Amino acid sequence: MAKVLGIVGSPRKKYTYKLVKTVLDTVAEKKNVETELIQLSDYKIEHCSGCLDYCEKTKKCKIKDDMQKLYPELKEADALIIGTPTYYYNVSGSVKDFIDRSNPLYNAESLKGKIGAAIAVSEEEGHNQALTAISSLFQLHKLREVGSIAIVHRRKPLGQVELEMAKSLGEKIASLL
């Protein structure tokens, strides 16, 4: 059975969380797949220590934290959706740490060929830079990037348009699995 993993880089269960969850729910509705939502704030993930020699040689990370729990999940997934709020024109710190700590998977080419999609939520600006950061991750790991969503919410509840965008992305991912 295919597996779709949603990564949420927000500490809150608001805009980013709801959009990623909507994508996952839509994929599950359209296709018989396993979905899992991971909220990075529930995990203790340290910063990358820049010890490239270790992960390049061993294809593993020497930092023993909760990222070790995520590596197998990422390897098993057929599709990866990464959602982030925009902090200072970029991804959240938890997403940045997640990206940096993905290096052992890059060295092992563990994500190559998987489906990738991105969601960035901002109050006003910066979502394009955040999407570019996630897209760079997908390009480096050789994922098939199939779409992205940029939402400017201005502290208003998500509307039907935003939720329809997430559903549409979910339908696209389901059609590719």
N, C-alpha and C. Protein backbone atom coordinates (compact mmCIF):
# COMPACT_ATOMS: atom_id res chain seq x y z
N MET A 1 0.85 -1.18 0.00
CA MET A 1 0.00 0.00 0.00
C MET A 1 0.89 1.24 0.00
N ALA A 2 0.53 2.21 -0.81
CA ALA A 2 1.28 3.46 -0.87
C ALA A 2 1.11 4.24 0.43
N LYS A 3 2.11 5.07 0.71
CA LYS A 3 2.08 5.87 1.93
C LYS A 3 2.39 7.33 1.58
N VAL A 4 1.58 8.23 2.13
CA VAL A 4 1.78 9.66 1.94
C VAL A 4 2.04 10.29 3.31
N LEU A 5 3.13 11.02 3.38
CA LEU A 5 3.57 11.62 4.64
C LEU A 5 3.40 13.13 4.56
N GLY A 6 2.72 13.71 5.53
CA GLY A 6 2.57 15.16 5.63
C GLY A 6 3.42 15.68 6.76
N ILE A 7 4.28 16.63 6.48
CA ILE A 7 5.17 17.23 7.47
C ILE A 7 4.68 18.65 7.72
N VAL A 8 4.36 18.96 8.97
CA VAL A 8 3.88 20.30 9.34
C VAL A 8 4.95 21.00 10.16
N GLY A 9 5.41 22.14 9.68
CA GLY A 9 6.46 22.90 10.35
C GLY A 9 5.95 24.02 11.21
N SER A 10 4.71 23.95 11.61
CA SER A 10 4.14 24.97 12.50
C SER A 10 3.90 24.35 13.88
N PRO A 11 4.15 25.11 14.93
CA PRO A 11 3.88 24.58 16.27
C PRO A 11 2.38 24.58 16.61
N ARG A 12 1.58 25.23 15.77
CA ARG A 12 0.14 25.33 16.04
C ARG A 12 -0.65 24.46 15.06
N LYS A 13 -1.85 24.14 15.44
CA LYS A 13 -2.73 23.36 14.56
C LYS A 13 -3.74 24.31 13.91
N LYS A 14 -3.18 25.24 13.14
CA LYS A 14 -4.05 26.22 12.49
C LYS A 14 -3.91 26.09 10.98
N TYR A 15 -3.51 27.15 10.31
CA TYR A 15 -3.53 27.23 8.85
C TYR A 15 -2.71 26.12 8.18
N THR A 16 -1.42 26.07 8.48
CA THR A 16 -0.54 25.10 7.82
C THR A 16 -1.01 23.68 8.10
N TYR A 17 -1.29 23.40 9.35
CA TYR A 17 -1.76 22.08 9.77
C TYR A 17 -3.02 21.68 9.00
N LYS A 18 -4.00 22.60 8.96
CA LYS A 18 -5.27 22.29 8.31
C LYS A 18 -5.10 22.05 6.81
N LEU A 19 -4.21 22.80 6.18
CA LEU A 19 -4.00 22.62 4.75
C LEU A 19 -3.32 21.28 4.45
N VAL A 20 -2.30 20.94 5.21
CA VAL A 20 -1.62 19.65 5.01
C VAL A 20 -2.58 18.51 5.29
N LYS A 21 -3.36 18.64 6.35
CA LYS A 21 -4.34 17.60 6.69
C LYS A 21 -5.39 17.45 5.59
N THR A 22 -5.82 18.55 5.02
CA THR A 22 -6.79 18.49 3.93
C THR A 22 -6.21 17.76 2.72
N VAL A 23 -4.95 18.03 2.40
CA VAL A 23 -4.30 17.31 1.29
C VAL A 23 -4.28 15.82 1.60
N LEU A 24 -3.84 15.46 2.81
CA LEU A 24 -3.78 14.04 3.19
C LEU A 24 -5.15 13.38 3.16
N ASP A 25 -6.15 14.06 3.70
CA ASP A 25 -7.50 13.50 3.73
C ASP A 25 -8.03 13.29 2.31
N THR A 26 -7.72 14.21 1.41
CA THR A 26 -8.18 14.09 0.03
C THR A 26 -7.50 12.93 -0.67
N VAL A 27 -6.21 12.78 -0.46
CA VAL A 27 -5.49 11.64 -1.05
C VAL A 27 -6.11 10.34 -0.56
N ALA A 28 -6.36 10.24 0.75
CA ALA A 28 -6.93 9.02 1.33
C ALA A 28 -8.33 8.75 0.80
N GLU A 29 -9.09 9.82 0.53
CA GLU A 29 -10.44 9.69 -0.01
C GLU A 29 -10.41 9.12 -1.43
N LYS A 30 -9.44 9.57 -2.21
CA LYS A 30 -9.38 9.22 -3.63
C LYS A 30 -8.66 7.91 -3.90
N LYS A 31 -7.80 7.51 -3.00
CA LYS A 31 -6.94 6.35 -3.24
C LYS A 31 -6.80 5.57 -1.94
N ASN A 32 -6.69 4.27 -2.04
CA ASN A 32 -6.47 3.45 -0.85
C ASN A 32 -5.00 3.53 -0.46
N VAL A 33 -4.67 4.53 0.34
CA VAL A 33 -3.29 4.75 0.77
C VAL A 33 -3.26 5.00 2.27
N GLU A 34 -2.09 4.79 2.82
CA GLU A 34 -1.84 5.12 4.22
C GLU A 34 -1.35 6.56 4.26
N THR A 35 -1.89 7.34 5.18
CA THR A 35 -1.41 8.71 5.34
C THR A 35 -0.98 8.91 6.79
N GLU A 36 -0.01 9.78 6.96
CA GLU A 36 0.46 10.11 8.30
C GLU A 36 0.84 11.57 8.34
N LEU A 37 0.38 12.26 9.37
CA LEU A 37 0.70 13.66 9.57
C LEU A 37 1.71 13.77 10.72
N ILE A 38 2.82 14.41 10.44
CA ILE A 38 3.86 14.60 11.44
C ILE A 38 4.00 16.08 11.72
N GLN A 39 3.75 16.47 12.95
CA GLN A 39 3.94 17.86 13.35
C GLN A 39 5.32 17.95 14.00
N LEU A 40 6.22 18.66 13.33
CA LEU A 40 7.62 18.70 13.77
C LEU A 40 7.78 19.20 15.20
N SER A 41 6.86 20.03 15.68
CA SER A 41 6.96 20.54 17.05
C SER A 41 6.77 19.43 18.09
N ASP A 42 6.27 18.29 17.68
CA ASP A 42 6.13 17.14 18.59
C ASP A 42 7.42 16.32 18.70
N TYR A 43 8.42 16.70 17.92
CA TYR A 43 9.68 15.96 17.87
C TYR A 43 10.83 16.87 18.30
N LYS A 44 11.80 16.27 18.96
CA LYS A 44 13.01 17.01 19.32
C LYS A 44 14.04 16.74 18.22
N ILE A 45 14.25 17.77 17.41
CA ILE A 45 15.19 17.65 16.30
C ILE A 45 16.24 18.74 16.46
N GLU A 46 17.46 18.32 16.67
CA GLU A 46 18.55 19.26 16.87
C GLU A 46 19.01 19.83 15.52
N HIS A 47 19.77 20.91 15.61
CA HIS A 47 20.37 21.50 14.40
C HIS A 47 21.41 20.54 13.84
N CYS A 48 21.62 20.60 12.54
CA CYS A 48 22.69 19.84 11.90
C CYS A 48 24.02 20.36 12.44
N SER A 49 24.93 19.46 12.75
CA SER A 49 26.24 19.86 13.28
C SER A 49 27.28 20.02 12.18
N GLY A 50 26.90 19.79 10.94
CA GLY A 50 27.80 20.00 9.82
C GLY A 50 28.93 18.99 9.72
N CYS A 51 28.73 17.81 10.24
CA CYS A 51 29.78 16.78 10.20
C CYS A 51 29.63 15.94 8.94
N LEU A 52 29.75 16.55 7.80
CA LEU A 52 29.47 15.88 6.53
C LEU A 52 30.19 14.56 6.34
N ASP A 53 31.38 14.45 6.87
CA ASP A 53 32.12 13.21 6.67
C ASP A 53 31.35 12.00 7.18
N TYR A 54 30.72 12.12 8.34
CA TYR A 54 30.03 10.99 8.94
C TYR A 54 28.84 10.55 8.09
N CYS A 55 27.95 11.49 7.75
CA CYS A 55 26.74 11.08 7.01
C CYS A 55 27.06 10.74 5.56
N GLU A 56 28.09 11.34 5.00
CA GLU A 56 28.47 10.96 3.64
C GLU A 56 29.01 9.54 3.59
N LYS A 57 29.77 9.15 4.59
CA LYS A 57 30.37 7.81 4.60
C LYS A 57 29.39 6.73 5.05
N THR A 58 28.60 7.02 6.09
CA THR A 58 27.75 6.00 6.68
C THR A 58 26.31 6.02 6.18
N LYS A 59 25.90 7.12 5.55
CA LYS A 59 24.51 7.33 5.11
C LYS A 59 23.57 7.38 6.32
N LYS A 60 24.13 7.75 7.47
CA LYS A 60 23.37 7.89 8.72
C LYS A 60 23.77 9.19 9.39
N CYS A 61 22.94 9.64 10.31
CA CYS A 61 23.25 10.83 11.09
C CYS A 61 23.70 10.40 12.48
N LYS A 62 24.77 11.03 12.96
CA LYS A 62 25.28 10.63 14.27
C LYS A 62 24.54 11.29 15.43
N ILE A 63 23.70 12.27 15.15
CA ILE A 63 22.93 12.93 16.21
C ILE A 63 21.77 12.02 16.60
N LYS A 64 21.70 11.67 17.84
CA LYS A 64 20.66 10.77 18.33
C LYS A 64 19.52 11.58 18.94
N ASP A 65 18.55 11.88 18.13
CA ASP A 65 17.37 12.60 18.57
C ASP A 65 16.17 12.04 17.81
N ASP A 66 15.07 12.76 17.81
CA ASP A 66 13.84 12.23 17.19
C ASP A 66 13.89 12.18 15.66
N MET A 67 14.87 12.80 15.05
CA MET A 67 15.00 12.68 13.59
C MET A 67 15.25 11.22 13.21
N GLN A 68 15.86 10.48 14.12
CA GLN A 68 16.10 9.05 13.87
C GLN A 68 14.78 8.30 13.66
N LYS A 69 13.70 8.77 14.30
CA LYS A 69 12.38 8.15 14.12
C LYS A 69 11.79 8.49 12.76
N LEU A 70 12.18 9.64 12.22
CA LEU A 70 11.60 10.10 10.96
C LEU A 70 12.28 9.51 9.72
N TYR A 71 13.55 9.17 9.82
CA TYR A 71 14.24 8.62 8.65
C TYR A 71 13.51 7.41 8.05
N PRO A 72 13.13 6.42 8.86
CA PRO A 72 12.42 5.27 8.27
C PRO A 72 11.08 5.67 7.65
N GLU A 73 10.38 6.61 8.28
CA GLU A 73 9.10 7.09 7.75
C GLU A 73 9.29 7.72 6.38
N LEU A 74 10.32 8.52 6.24
CA LEU A 74 10.60 9.19 4.98
C LEU A 74 10.99 8.19 3.90
N LYS A 75 11.76 7.19 4.27
CA LYS A 75 12.17 6.17 3.31
C LYS A 75 10.97 5.36 2.81
N GLU A 76 10.02 5.09 3.70
CA GLU A 76 8.85 4.27 3.35
C GLU A 76 7.81 5.03 2.53
N ALA A 77 7.79 6.34 2.66
CA ALA A 77 6.76 7.16 2.00
C ALA A 77 6.93 7.16 0.49
N ASP A 78 5.80 7.20 -0.19
CA ASP A 78 5.79 7.34 -1.65
C ASP A 78 5.61 8.80 -2.05
N ALA A 79 5.05 9.59 -1.14
CA ALA A 79 4.84 11.01 -1.39
C ALA A 79 5.08 11.78 -0.10
N LEU A 80 5.58 12.99 -0.26
CA LEU A 80 5.93 13.84 0.87
C LEU A 80 5.35 15.22 0.65
N ILE A 81 4.54 15.68 1.61
CA ILE A 81 3.99 17.02 1.57
C ILE A 81 4.60 17.79 2.73
N ILE A 82 5.25 18.89 2.44
CA ILE A 82 5.86 19.69 3.49
C ILE A 82 5.12 21.03 3.56
N GLY A 83 4.60 21.34 4.73
CA GLY A 83 3.91 22.60 4.95
C GLY A 83 4.64 23.44 6.00
N THR A 84 4.75 24.73 5.73
CA THR A 84 5.44 25.61 6.65
C THR A 84 4.76 26.97 6.73
N PRO A 85 4.72 27.54 7.92
CA PRO A 85 4.40 28.96 7.98
C PRO A 85 5.64 29.73 7.52
N THR A 86 5.44 30.95 7.12
CA THR A 86 6.56 31.76 6.66
C THR A 86 7.07 32.60 7.83
N TYR A 87 8.34 32.39 8.16
CA TYR A 87 9.00 33.16 9.22
C TYR A 87 10.11 33.97 8.57
N TYR A 88 9.99 35.27 8.63
CA TYR A 88 11.02 36.14 8.08
C TYR A 88 11.41 35.75 6.66
N TYR A 89 10.40 35.62 5.82
CA TYR A 89 10.59 35.33 4.39
C TYR A 89 11.23 33.98 4.13
N ASN A 90 10.98 33.01 4.98
CA ASN A 90 11.55 31.68 4.75
C ASN A 90 10.74 30.64 5.51
N VAL A 91 11.21 29.40 5.48
CA VAL A 91 10.56 28.32 6.21
C VAL A 91 10.75 28.53 7.70
N SER A 92 9.93 27.85 8.49
CA SER A 92 10.08 27.90 9.94
C SER A 92 11.39 27.22 10.34
N GLY A 93 11.86 27.51 11.55
CA GLY A 93 13.10 26.90 12.04
C GLY A 93 13.03 25.39 12.08
N SER A 94 11.87 24.84 12.43
CA SER A 94 11.76 23.38 12.51
C SER A 94 11.86 22.75 11.12
N VAL A 95 11.33 23.42 10.11
CA VAL A 95 11.45 22.90 8.75
C VAL A 95 12.90 23.03 8.27
N LYS A 96 13.54 24.12 8.62
CA LYS A 96 14.95 24.29 8.23
C LYS A 96 15.81 23.20 8.86
N ASP A 97 15.61 22.91 10.13
CA ASP A 97 16.36 21.82 10.77
C ASP A 97 16.04 20.49 10.10
N PHE A 98 14.78 20.26 9.78
CA PHE A 98 14.37 19.03 9.09
C PHE A 98 15.09 18.92 7.74
N ILE A 99 15.11 20.00 6.98
CA ILE A 99 15.79 20.01 5.68
C ILE A 99 17.27 19.70 5.86
N ASP A 100 17.92 20.40 6.77
CA ASP A 100 19.36 20.19 6.99
C ASP A 100 19.66 18.77 7.42
N ARG A 101 18.82 18.22 8.26
CA ARG A 101 19.07 16.88 8.79
C ARG A 101 18.68 15.78 7.81
N SER A 102 18.17 16.14 6.64
CA SER A 102 17.84 15.14 5.63
C SER A 102 19.08 14.69 4.86
N ASN A 103 20.22 15.24 5.15
CA ASN A 103 21.44 14.94 4.39
C ASN A 103 21.77 13.44 4.30
N PRO A 104 21.62 12.66 5.35
CA PRO A 104 21.91 11.23 5.19
C PRO A 104 21.03 10.56 4.12
N LEU A 105 19.81 11.03 3.97
CA LEU A 105 18.92 10.48 2.95
C LEU A 105 19.36 10.91 1.55
N TYR A 106 19.93 12.10 1.47
CA TYR A 106 20.48 12.58 0.19
C TYR A 106 21.65 11.69 -0.23
N ASN A 107 22.53 11.44 0.69
CA ASN A 107 23.70 10.63 0.39
C ASN A 107 23.33 9.20 0.00
N ALA A 108 22.23 8.70 0.52
CA ALA A 108 21.78 7.34 0.20
C ALA A 108 20.77 7.33 -0.96
N GLU A 109 20.41 8.50 -1.46
CA GLU A 109 19.39 8.64 -2.51
C GLU A 109 18.08 7.96 -2.11
N SER A 110 17.72 8.08 -0.84
CA SER A 110 16.54 7.40 -0.30
C SER A 110 15.22 8.03 -0.74
N LEU A 111 15.23 9.27 -1.17
CA LEU A 111 13.99 9.94 -1.55
C LEU A 111 13.82 10.07 -3.06
N LYS A 112 14.78 9.62 -3.79
CA LYS A 112 14.78 9.76 -5.25
C LYS A 112 13.53 9.15 -5.87
N GLY A 113 12.85 9.94 -6.71
CA GLY A 113 11.68 9.47 -7.44
C GLY A 113 10.37 9.59 -6.69
N LYS A 114 10.39 9.93 -5.41
CA LYS A 114 9.15 10.07 -4.65
C LYS A 114 8.44 11.36 -5.08
N ILE A 115 7.17 11.46 -4.80
CA ILE A 115 6.38 12.65 -5.11
C ILE A 115 6.59 13.68 -4.00
N GLY A 116 6.72 14.94 -4.38
CA GLY A 116 6.87 16.01 -3.41
C GLY A 116 5.92 17.16 -3.70
N ALA A 117 5.36 17.75 -2.65
CA ALA A 117 4.50 18.92 -2.78
C ALA A 117 4.74 19.83 -1.57
N ALA A 118 4.56 21.12 -1.78
CA ALA A 118 4.87 22.09 -0.72
C ALA A 118 3.71 23.03 -0.47
N ILE A 119 3.61 23.47 0.78
CA ILE A 119 2.61 24.46 1.18
C ILE A 119 3.32 25.50 2.03
N ALA A 120 3.10 26.78 1.70
CA ALA A 120 3.65 27.87 2.50
C ALA A 120 2.53 28.84 2.84
N VAL A 121 2.47 29.22 4.10
CA VAL A 121 1.43 30.11 4.59
C VAL A 121 2.10 31.35 5.17
N SER A 122 1.64 32.53 4.72
CA SER A 122 2.21 33.77 5.24
C SER A 122 1.10 34.75 5.58
N GLU A 123 1.45 35.74 6.38
CA GLU A 123 0.49 36.79 6.68
C GLU A 123 0.46 37.82 5.56
N GLU A 124 1.62 38.06 4.97
CA GLU A 124 1.67 39.04 3.89
C GLU A 124 2.61 38.62 2.76
N GLU A 125 3.86 38.36 3.10
CA GLU A 125 4.86 38.07 2.07
C GLU A 125 5.79 36.97 2.55
N GLY A 126 6.67 36.54 1.65
CA GLY A 126 7.69 35.57 2.02
C GLY A 126 7.38 34.15 1.63
N HIS A 127 6.15 33.88 1.24
CA HIS A 127 5.79 32.50 0.90
C HIS A 127 6.57 31.98 -0.30
N ASN A 128 6.90 32.84 -1.25
CA ASN A 128 7.66 32.38 -2.41
C ASN A 128 9.05 31.89 -2.01
N GLN A 129 9.70 32.59 -1.10
CA GLN A 129 11.01 32.16 -0.62
C GLN A 129 10.91 30.84 0.13
N ALA A 130 9.86 30.69 0.92
CA ALA A 130 9.67 29.44 1.67
C ALA A 130 9.44 28.27 0.70
N LEU A 131 8.63 28.50 -0.33
CA LEU A 131 8.40 27.45 -1.33
C LEU A 131 9.69 27.11 -2.07
N THR A 132 10.51 28.12 -2.32
CA THR A 132 11.79 27.88 -2.99
C THR A 132 12.70 27.01 -2.13
N ALA A 133 12.71 27.23 -0.83
CA ALA A 133 13.54 26.41 0.07
C ALA A 133 13.10 24.95 0.03
N ILE A 134 11.79 24.73 0.07
CA ILE A 134 11.28 23.35 0.02
C ILE A 134 11.53 22.74 -1.36
N SER A 135 11.33 23.53 -2.39
CA SER A 135 11.60 23.05 -3.74
C SER A 135 13.06 22.66 -3.91
N SER A 136 13.95 23.41 -3.30
CA SER A 136 15.38 23.08 -3.35
C SER A 136 15.64 21.72 -2.72
N LEU A 137 14.98 21.44 -1.61
CA LEU A 137 15.09 20.13 -0.97
C LEU A 137 14.65 19.04 -1.95
N PHE A 138 13.50 19.26 -2.58
CA PHE A 138 12.99 18.28 -3.52
C PHE A 138 13.96 18.07 -4.69
N GLN A 139 14.50 19.15 -5.21
CA GLN A 139 15.43 19.04 -6.33
C GLN A 139 16.70 18.28 -5.93
N LEU A 140 17.25 18.62 -4.78
CA LEU A 140 18.48 17.96 -4.33
C LEU A 140 18.27 16.46 -4.13
N HIS A 141 17.12 16.10 -3.56
CA HIS A 141 16.83 14.69 -3.30
C HIS A 141 16.21 13.98 -4.50
N LYS A 142 16.00 14.72 -5.58
CA LYS A 142 15.46 14.17 -6.83
C LYS A 142 14.04 13.64 -6.68
N LEU A 143 13.23 14.36 -5.90
CA LEU A 143 11.81 14.05 -5.83
C LEU A 143 11.13 14.63 -7.06
N ARG A 144 9.97 14.09 -7.39
CA ARG A 144 9.14 14.63 -8.48
C ARG A 144 8.20 15.66 -7.85
N GLU A 145 8.54 16.91 -8.00
CA GLU A 145 7.72 17.97 -7.43
C GLU A 145 6.48 18.17 -8.29
N VAL A 146 5.31 17.98 -7.68
CA VAL A 146 4.08 17.99 -8.47
C VAL A 146 3.18 19.19 -8.20
N GLY A 147 3.56 20.04 -7.27
CA GLY A 147 2.74 21.22 -7.02
C GLY A 147 3.06 21.88 -5.71
N SER A 148 2.53 23.09 -5.58
CA SER A 148 2.71 23.83 -4.35
C SER A 148 1.53 24.78 -4.17
N ILE A 149 1.35 25.20 -2.93
CA ILE A 149 0.30 26.14 -2.59
C ILE A 149 0.92 27.25 -1.76
N ALA A 150 0.60 28.50 -2.13
CA ALA A 150 1.01 29.65 -1.33
C ALA A 150 -0.26 30.34 -0.84
N ILE A 151 -0.38 30.48 0.45
CA ILE A 151 -1.58 31.07 1.05
C ILE A 151 -1.18 32.32 1.83
N VAL A 152 -1.89 33.41 1.59
CA VAL A 152 -1.75 34.62 2.40
C VAL A 152 -3.05 34.72 3.19
N HIS A 153 -2.96 34.59 4.50
CA HIS A 153 -4.19 34.48 5.28
C HIS A 153 -4.61 35.75 6.00
N ARG A 154 -3.72 36.66 6.26
CA ARG A 154 -4.01 37.93 6.95
C ARG A 154 -4.84 37.74 8.22
N ARG A 155 -4.54 36.66 8.93
CA ARG A 155 -5.18 36.33 10.21
C ARG A 155 -6.69 36.09 10.13
N LYS A 156 -7.13 35.69 8.96
CA LYS A 156 -8.53 35.34 8.78
C LYS A 156 -8.62 33.83 8.69
N PRO A 157 -9.74 33.25 9.04
CA PRO A 157 -9.87 31.79 8.90
C PRO A 157 -9.68 31.37 7.44
N LEU A 158 -9.24 30.14 7.27
CA LEU A 158 -9.12 29.60 5.92
C LEU A 158 -10.50 29.59 5.27
N GLY A 159 -10.53 30.00 4.02
CA GLY A 159 -11.79 30.01 3.30
C GLY A 159 -11.93 28.82 2.37
N GLN A 160 -13.02 28.78 1.67
CA GLN A 160 -13.29 27.68 0.76
C GLN A 160 -12.26 27.61 -0.36
N VAL A 161 -11.78 28.76 -0.83
CA VAL A 161 -10.80 28.79 -1.91
C VAL A 161 -9.51 28.09 -1.49
N GLU A 162 -9.02 28.41 -0.30
CA GLU A 162 -7.78 27.81 0.19
C GLU A 162 -7.94 26.31 0.38
N LEU A 163 -9.06 25.90 0.95
CA LEU A 163 -9.30 24.47 1.16
C LEU A 163 -9.46 23.72 -0.16
N GLU A 164 -10.07 24.37 -1.16
CA GLU A 164 -10.20 23.76 -2.48
C GLU A 164 -8.83 23.61 -3.14
N MET A 165 -7.93 24.55 -2.90
CA MET A 165 -6.57 24.43 -3.44
C MET A 165 -5.89 23.20 -2.84
N ALA A 166 -6.07 23.00 -1.54
CA ALA A 166 -5.47 21.84 -0.87
C ALA A 166 -6.09 20.54 -1.38
N LYS A 167 -7.41 20.54 -1.58
CA LYS A 167 -8.08 19.35 -2.12
C LYS A 167 -7.59 19.05 -3.52
N SER A 168 -7.42 20.07 -4.32
CA SER A 168 -6.93 19.89 -5.69
C SER A 168 -5.52 19.29 -5.70
N LEU A 169 -4.67 19.75 -4.80
CA LEU A 169 -3.33 19.20 -4.70
C LEU A 169 -3.40 17.74 -4.25
N GLY A 170 -4.27 17.44 -3.31
CA GLY A 170 -4.47 16.06 -2.88
C GLY A 170 -4.94 15.16 -4.00
N GLU A 171 -5.86 15.66 -4.83
CA GLU A 171 -6.35 14.88 -5.97
C GLU A 171 -5.23 14.61 -6.97
N LYS A 172 -4.39 15.60 -7.18
CA LYS A 172 -3.27 15.43 -8.12
C LYS A 172 -2.31 14.37 -7.61
N ILE A 173 -1.99 14.43 -6.32
CA ILE A 173 -1.09 13.43 -5.74
C ILE A 173 -1.70 12.04 -5.84
N ALA A 174 -2.99 11.93 -5.51
CA ALA A 174 -3.67 10.62 -5.59
C ALA A 174 -3.63 10.07 -7.01
N SER A 175 -3.77 10.92 -8.00
CA SER A 175 -3.77 10.45 -9.40
C SER A 175 -2.39 9.94 -9.83
N LEU A 176 -1.34 10.36 -9.12
CA LEU A 176 0.02 9.95 -9.47
C LEU A 176 0.53 8.74 -8.70
N LEU A 177 -0.22 8.33 -7.68
CA LEU A 177 0.20 7.18 -6.88
C LEU A 177 -0.19 5.87 -7.53
